[in-house]
Protein backbone atom coordinates (compact mmCIF):
# COMPACT_ATOMS: atom_id res chain seq x y z
CA MET A 1 129.02 101.10 65.61
CA GLY A 2 129.50 104.68 66.81
CA THR A 3 128.35 106.46 69.94
CA LYS A 4 125.30 105.52 71.97
CA ALA A 5 123.56 108.55 70.51
CA ASP A 6 124.23 107.16 67.04
CA LEU A 7 122.91 103.78 68.11
CA GLU A 8 119.75 105.35 69.49
CA ILE A 9 119.17 107.20 66.22
CA ALA A 10 119.67 103.97 64.30
CA THR A 11 117.32 102.12 66.63
CA THR A 12 114.67 104.80 66.29
CA THR A 13 114.97 104.77 62.51
CA LEU A 14 114.67 100.99 62.36
CA ALA A 15 111.68 101.06 64.70
CA ALA A 16 109.94 103.73 62.65
CA ARG A 17 110.69 102.40 59.17
CA GLY A 18 111.41 98.74 59.40
CA TYR A 19 110.84 96.25 62.12
CA LEU A 20 107.24 97.19 63.02
CA LYS A 21 106.23 96.10 59.53
CA LEU A 22 107.82 92.67 59.79
CA PRO A 23 105.52 89.61 59.90
CA VAL A 24 104.21 88.37 63.22
CA PRO A 25 102.64 85.05 64.28
CA THR A 26 98.89 84.59 64.05
CA LYS A 27 96.66 85.59 66.95
CA ASP A 28 96.35 81.92 67.93
CA THR A 29 100.10 81.42 68.32
CA ILE A 30 101.54 84.82 69.28
CA VAL A 31 101.26 84.25 73.03
CA PHE A 32 103.08 80.92 72.70
CA GLU A 33 105.79 82.57 70.60
CA ILE A 34 106.29 85.40 73.10
CA LYS A 35 106.72 82.88 75.92
CA ARG A 36 109.13 80.86 73.78
CA LEU A 37 111.24 83.91 72.98
CA LYS A 38 111.33 84.96 76.63
CA LYS A 39 112.81 81.61 77.59
CA GLU A 40 115.13 81.42 74.58
CA LYS A 41 116.58 84.90 75.11
CA ASN A 42 116.56 84.89 78.93
CA ALA A 43 114.24 87.87 79.01
CA VAL A 44 111.66 89.14 81.48
CA ILE A 45 108.61 91.29 80.82
CA LEU A 46 107.88 94.13 83.22
CA ALA A 47 104.44 95.65 82.70
CA HIS A 48 102.53 98.54 84.23
CA TYR A 49 98.92 98.19 85.34
CA TYR A 50 97.91 100.61 82.58
CA GLN A 51 98.85 98.20 79.79
CA ASN A 52 96.11 96.32 77.98
CA LYS A 53 94.95 93.14 79.70
CA ASP A 54 96.63 90.76 77.22
CA ILE A 55 100.04 92.23 78.02
CA GLN A 56 99.29 92.29 81.75
CA GLU A 57 98.58 88.56 81.61
CA LEU A 58 101.97 87.88 79.96
CA ALA A 59 104.03 89.94 82.39
CA ASP A 60 106.58 88.31 84.68
CA TYR A 61 106.23 91.34 86.93
CA LEU A 62 103.14 93.56 86.98
CA GLY A 63 102.98 96.67 89.11
CA ASP A 64 103.19 100.41 89.62
CA SER A 65 106.24 102.61 89.03
CA LEU A 66 107.84 102.02 92.45
CA TYR A 67 107.46 98.24 92.31
CA LEU A 68 108.75 98.04 88.75
CA ALA A 69 111.75 100.25 89.59
CA LYS A 70 112.66 97.94 92.47
CA ILE A 71 112.26 94.87 90.26
CA ALA A 72 114.31 96.42 87.44
CA ALA A 73 117.18 97.03 89.85
CA GLU A 74 117.23 93.34 90.80
CA VAL A 75 116.63 91.66 87.43
CA GLU A 76 119.22 89.00 86.59
CA ALA A 77 117.88 88.14 83.13
CA ASP A 78 119.81 89.36 80.11
CA ILE A 79 116.95 91.39 78.62
CA ILE A 80 114.31 93.59 80.24
CA VAL A 81 111.26 94.08 78.05
CA PHE A 82 109.45 97.06 79.52
CA ALA A 83 105.78 97.14 78.62
CA GLY A 84 105.09 100.66 79.73
CA VAL A 85 106.17 104.09 78.57
CA HIS A 86 109.55 105.55 77.68
CA PHE A 87 110.49 107.08 81.05
CA MET A 88 109.87 103.72 82.75
CA ALA A 89 112.19 101.89 80.37
CA GLU A 90 114.77 104.66 80.82
CA THR A 91 114.55 104.21 84.59
CA ALA A 92 115.16 100.46 84.24
CA LYS A 93 118.26 101.11 82.11
CA ILE A 94 119.54 103.74 84.53
CA ILE A 95 119.36 101.50 87.58
CA ASN A 96 120.49 98.31 85.84
CA PRO A 97 122.79 99.60 83.07
CA THR A 98 124.41 96.28 82.17
CA LYS A 99 121.09 94.85 80.98
CA LYS A 100 119.62 95.30 77.54
CA VAL A 101 116.35 97.21 77.95
CA VAL A 102 113.82 97.25 75.13
CA LEU A 103 110.46 98.97 74.73
CA PRO A 104 107.81 97.63 72.33
CA ASP A 105 107.15 101.09 70.86
CA LEU A 106 109.54 104.05 71.24
CA LYS A 107 106.61 106.39 70.64
CA ALA A 108 105.09 105.29 73.96
CA GLY A 109 105.85 108.54 75.71
CA CYS A 110 104.19 110.45 78.55
CA SER A 111 102.33 113.76 78.50
CA LEU A 112 103.52 114.52 82.02
CA ALA A 113 107.18 113.90 81.17
CA ASP A 114 106.76 115.98 78.01
CA SER A 115 105.40 118.87 80.08
CA CYS A 116 108.83 119.39 81.64
CA PRO A 117 111.48 120.22 78.98
CA PRO A 118 114.99 119.86 80.49
CA ALA A 119 116.31 123.25 79.26
CA ASP A 120 113.32 125.09 80.70
CA PHE A 121 113.46 123.19 83.96
CA LYS A 122 117.17 123.90 84.35
CA LYS A 123 116.45 127.65 84.12
CA PHE A 124 113.57 127.27 86.59
CA LYS A 125 115.81 125.42 89.04
CA GLU A 126 118.47 128.13 88.82
CA GLN A 127 115.99 130.65 90.24
CA TYR A 128 116.04 128.75 93.53
CA PRO A 129 119.70 127.80 94.15
CA GLU A 130 119.09 126.74 97.76
CA ALA A 131 116.15 124.46 97.00
CA LEU A 132 116.27 120.67 97.02
CA VAL A 133 114.72 119.21 93.87
CA VAL A 134 112.24 116.35 94.24
CA THR A 135 110.94 114.94 90.98
CA TYR A 136 108.15 112.52 90.32
CA ILE A 137 109.47 109.42 88.54
CA ASN A 138 107.22 110.29 85.58
CA CYS A 139 109.93 112.42 83.96
CA SER A 140 112.81 112.02 81.52
CA ALA A 141 116.32 110.88 82.38
CA ASP A 142 117.50 114.46 81.81
CA ILE A 143 115.12 115.77 84.47
CA LYS A 144 116.14 113.02 86.89
CA ALA A 145 119.76 114.07 86.35
CA LEU A 146 118.80 117.59 87.50
CA SER A 147 117.17 116.22 90.67
CA ASP A 148 118.25 115.51 94.22
CA ILE A 149 115.75 112.75 94.84
CA VAL A 150 113.03 110.98 92.88
CA CYS A 151 109.66 109.81 94.21
CA THR A 152 106.64 107.85 93.05
CA SER A 153 103.01 108.37 94.03
CA SER A 154 103.44 105.39 96.40
CA ASN A 155 106.22 106.97 98.45
CA ALA A 156 105.92 110.71 97.74
CA VAL A 157 104.60 111.63 101.19
CA GLN A 158 107.37 109.60 102.82
CA ILE A 159 110.02 111.24 100.62
CA ILE A 160 108.80 114.79 101.36
CA GLU A 161 108.58 114.09 105.09
CA SER A 162 112.18 112.81 105.08
CA ILE A 163 113.45 116.27 104.09
CA PRO A 164 114.32 118.75 106.90
CA LYS A 165 111.49 121.22 107.43
CA ASP A 166 113.75 124.24 106.99
CA LYS A 167 114.79 123.08 103.51
CA GLN A 168 113.14 124.71 100.50
CA ILE A 169 111.71 122.17 98.01
CA ILE A 170 111.08 122.31 94.29
CA PHE A 171 108.60 119.64 93.21
CA ALA A 172 108.24 118.66 89.55
CA PRO A 173 106.75 117.94 87.13
CA ASP A 174 103.18 117.23 88.34
CA LYS A 175 101.44 120.25 89.86
CA ASN A 176 98.41 118.19 90.92
CA LEU A 177 100.47 115.65 92.83
CA GLY A 178 102.47 118.58 94.22
CA ARG A 179 99.34 120.30 95.54
CA TYR A 180 98.17 117.04 97.08
CA LEU A 181 101.55 116.64 98.81
CA ILE A 182 101.42 120.20 100.14
CA LYS A 183 98.03 119.40 101.68
CA GLU A 184 99.18 116.06 103.10
CA THR A 185 102.56 117.15 104.48
CA GLY A 186 102.03 120.82 105.26
CA ARG A 187 105.17 121.70 103.29
CA ASP A 188 105.19 124.87 101.18
CA MET A 189 106.78 123.66 97.95
CA ILE A 190 107.65 125.41 94.69
CA LEU A 191 105.74 123.62 91.94
CA TRP A 192 106.54 123.15 88.29
CA GLU A 193 103.37 123.59 86.20
CA GLY A 194 103.19 120.16 84.58
CA SER A 195 100.33 117.67 84.45
CA CYS A 196 99.08 114.37 83.04
CA ILE A 197 96.39 114.77 80.38
CA VAL A 198 94.90 111.40 81.36
CA HIS A 199 94.31 112.36 84.99
CA GLU A 200 93.20 115.88 84.13
CA ALA A 201 90.49 114.54 81.82
CA PHE A 202 88.07 113.56 84.58
CA SER A 203 84.84 115.55 84.70
CA PHE A 204 83.97 116.74 88.20
CA GLU A 205 80.35 117.37 87.21
CA LYS A 206 79.94 113.91 85.66
CA ILE A 207 81.52 112.28 88.71
CA VAL A 208 79.00 114.03 90.96
CA THR A 209 76.18 112.79 88.70
CA LEU A 210 77.61 109.26 88.84
CA PHE A 211 77.62 109.49 92.65
CA LYS A 212 73.86 110.03 92.55
CA GLU A 213 73.37 107.03 90.28
CA HIS A 214 75.52 104.81 92.54
CA PRO A 215 74.97 106.08 96.10
CA GLN A 216 76.61 103.03 97.69
CA ALA A 217 79.79 103.31 95.64
CA LYS A 218 83.05 104.69 97.00
CA PHE A 219 85.00 107.11 94.85
CA ILE A 220 88.78 106.56 94.72
CA ALA A 221 91.33 108.63 92.82
CA HIS A 222 94.98 108.86 91.86
CA PRO A 223 96.75 112.00 93.19
CA GLU A 224 97.64 113.13 89.66
CA SER A 225 93.97 114.14 89.36
CA GLU A 226 92.89 117.76 89.85
CA SER A 227 92.26 119.09 93.36
CA GLN A 228 88.47 119.35 93.06
CA VAL A 229 88.33 115.67 92.08
CA LEU A 230 90.58 114.63 94.97
CA ASP A 231 88.54 116.69 97.43
CA VAL A 232 85.46 114.49 96.94
CA ALA A 233 87.30 111.16 96.96
CA HIS A 234 86.82 108.63 99.73
CA TYR A 235 90.41 107.52 99.17
CA VAL A 236 93.38 108.98 97.29
CA GLY A 237 96.36 106.79 96.47
CA SER A 238 98.84 105.38 93.98
CA THR A 239 97.83 102.57 91.64
CA SER A 240 99.04 99.98 94.16
CA GLY A 241 97.30 101.90 96.94
CA LEU A 242 94.03 101.90 95.00
CA LEU A 243 94.35 98.15 94.42
CA LYS A 244 94.90 97.48 98.11
CA PHE A 245 91.98 99.71 99.10
CA VAL A 246 89.41 97.98 96.90
CA GLN A 247 90.47 94.59 98.22
CA GLU A 248 90.32 95.56 101.89
CA ASP A 249 87.39 97.98 102.01
CA ASP A 250 83.89 96.72 102.81
CA ALA A 251 82.29 98.50 99.85
CA THR A 252 81.33 96.35 96.87
CA GLU A 253 81.15 99.13 94.29
CA PHE A 254 83.84 101.65 93.36
CA ILE A 255 84.14 104.60 91.00
CA VAL A 256 87.79 104.70 89.94
CA ALA A 257 89.58 107.87 88.76
CA THR A 258 92.79 106.72 87.16
CA GLU A 259 93.83 105.11 83.87
CA ALA A 260 91.25 102.43 83.05
CA GLY A 261 93.83 99.66 82.59
CA ILE A 262 93.90 99.18 86.37
CA LEU A 263 90.33 97.87 86.35
CA HIS A 264 91.49 94.53 84.91
CA GLU A 265 93.69 93.79 87.92
CA MET A 266 91.06 95.13 90.33
CA GLN A 267 88.48 92.74 88.92
CA LYS A 268 90.93 89.83 89.21
CA ARG A 269 91.71 90.59 92.85
CA ALA A 270 88.13 91.34 93.86
CA PRO A 271 85.89 89.46 91.39
CA HIS A 272 82.78 89.90 93.51
CA LYS A 273 83.02 93.71 93.38
CA THR A 274 81.98 96.23 90.74
CA PHE A 275 84.38 98.81 89.29
CA ILE A 276 83.19 101.83 87.34
CA PRO A 277 85.66 104.05 85.47
CA ALA A 278 85.29 107.70 86.40
CA PRO A 279 83.79 109.70 83.50
CA VAL A 280 85.81 112.19 81.47
CA GLU A 281 84.98 115.49 79.80
CA ASP A 282 85.13 113.99 76.30
CA ASP A 283 81.71 112.66 75.34
CA THR A 284 83.22 110.28 72.75
CA CYS A 285 84.70 107.95 75.40
CA ALA A 286 83.50 106.61 78.74
CA CYS A 287 86.78 106.35 80.60
CA SER A 288 90.28 107.79 80.74
CA GLU A 289 92.88 105.82 78.81
CA CYS A 290 96.51 106.68 78.15
CA ALA A 291 97.03 106.57 74.39
CA PHE A 292 100.78 106.22 74.95
CA MET A 293 100.39 103.15 77.19
CA LYS A 294 98.06 101.56 74.68
CA LEU A 295 100.62 101.88 71.85
CA ASN A 296 102.18 98.66 73.12
CA THR A 297 100.47 95.61 71.61
CA LEU A 298 101.07 91.86 71.55
CA GLU A 299 102.40 92.18 68.01
CA LYS A 300 104.92 94.84 69.02
CA LEU A 301 105.84 92.85 72.12
CA TYR A 302 106.62 89.85 69.91
CA LEU A 303 108.73 91.92 67.48
CA CYS A 304 110.51 93.57 70.38
CA LEU A 305 111.57 90.18 71.73
CA GLU A 306 112.37 88.66 68.34
CA HIS A 307 114.60 91.54 67.18
CA GLU A 308 115.60 92.96 70.60
CA LEU A 309 114.52 96.40 69.39
CA PRO A 310 113.84 99.25 70.01
CA GLU A 311 116.60 99.38 72.61
CA ILE A 312 116.92 102.08 75.25
CA LEU A 313 120.40 103.58 75.00
CA LEU A 314 121.64 106.40 77.22
CA GLU A 315 124.97 108.13 77.66
CA GLU A 316 127.01 106.83 80.63
CA ASN A 317 127.34 110.28 82.19
CA LEU A 318 123.60 110.90 82.02
CA MET A 319 122.86 107.51 83.57
CA SER A 320 125.32 108.16 86.41
CA GLN A 321 123.75 111.51 87.21
CA ALA A 322 120.17 110.20 86.98
CA ARG A 323 120.93 107.09 89.03
CA LEU A 324 121.80 108.97 92.24
CA PRO A 325 118.34 110.47 92.93
CA ILE A 326 116.68 107.12 92.13
CA GLU A 327 119.00 105.30 94.53
CA ARG A 328 118.22 107.88 97.22
CA MET A 329 114.53 107.12 96.73
CA LEU A 330 115.05 103.37 96.95
CA GLU A 331 117.11 103.79 100.14
CA ILE A 332 114.26 105.68 101.82
CA GLY A 333 111.61 103.18 100.68
């Protein structure tokens, strides 16, 4: 059938022009059909906390980027259905290349990953030939292949602190996470100027106003948020860190600055507590949602399982190069 590049083009074309328009079961039966297909095809669904609640409830494994990367490496099923965004599905394919990895919608990208074009980053890296490159997992396979080690928001501090203090570090692509890590570790890192539009959407002024309306609430934030937002947070952490905090802390009300999909799992784990999405600059919406994450739907999940498309296909050489920095991360923790 040609090269993997040819296959990817064919897959993309089919996804764009054909299979998304195929018939799907009714709303009453689609969940049953998805479960049936999972069993029939020996497939597992990995889903991020930022997916819509219907997909979260169907997931075999639900978690943040670090957890899902670890699970993807260990999956024994024939097919990994990744309900997340493109770089996450790429990561699963890279660390478990013998498995078929499919993504409900190939257009489910990432603004942060898009903010770091490989050709531009390669030139940037060449300016600092002695630097060790640490990249946030929210980046493309091409960027991972240019890296020495990958990190997630869950283990970023640990990864940075594992590097000798006399070693120069380039951190990419998230400048906000990078600035947070500089503050937490005391390391002077060279930052790529990338960011996540979802986490940069929070309004500092509206958050302060919300504080006044809910004086007993604790404000918690993801480190991809801007510095002024993080500076007023009671707790800063990854999605899994935020989940743990709201379960263990004595407060019963929380203002949450991250993608609003996490609130579903928070409410499940702490049903007696109240969770308020942090307000954003845009007056047309009340919370920050990732449009890319929300491209995945039950209908697309069904079609993805039924037709085993769109499939993530990467060149062997690229996967080999990108796998090394991910494995280094997993070895550290």
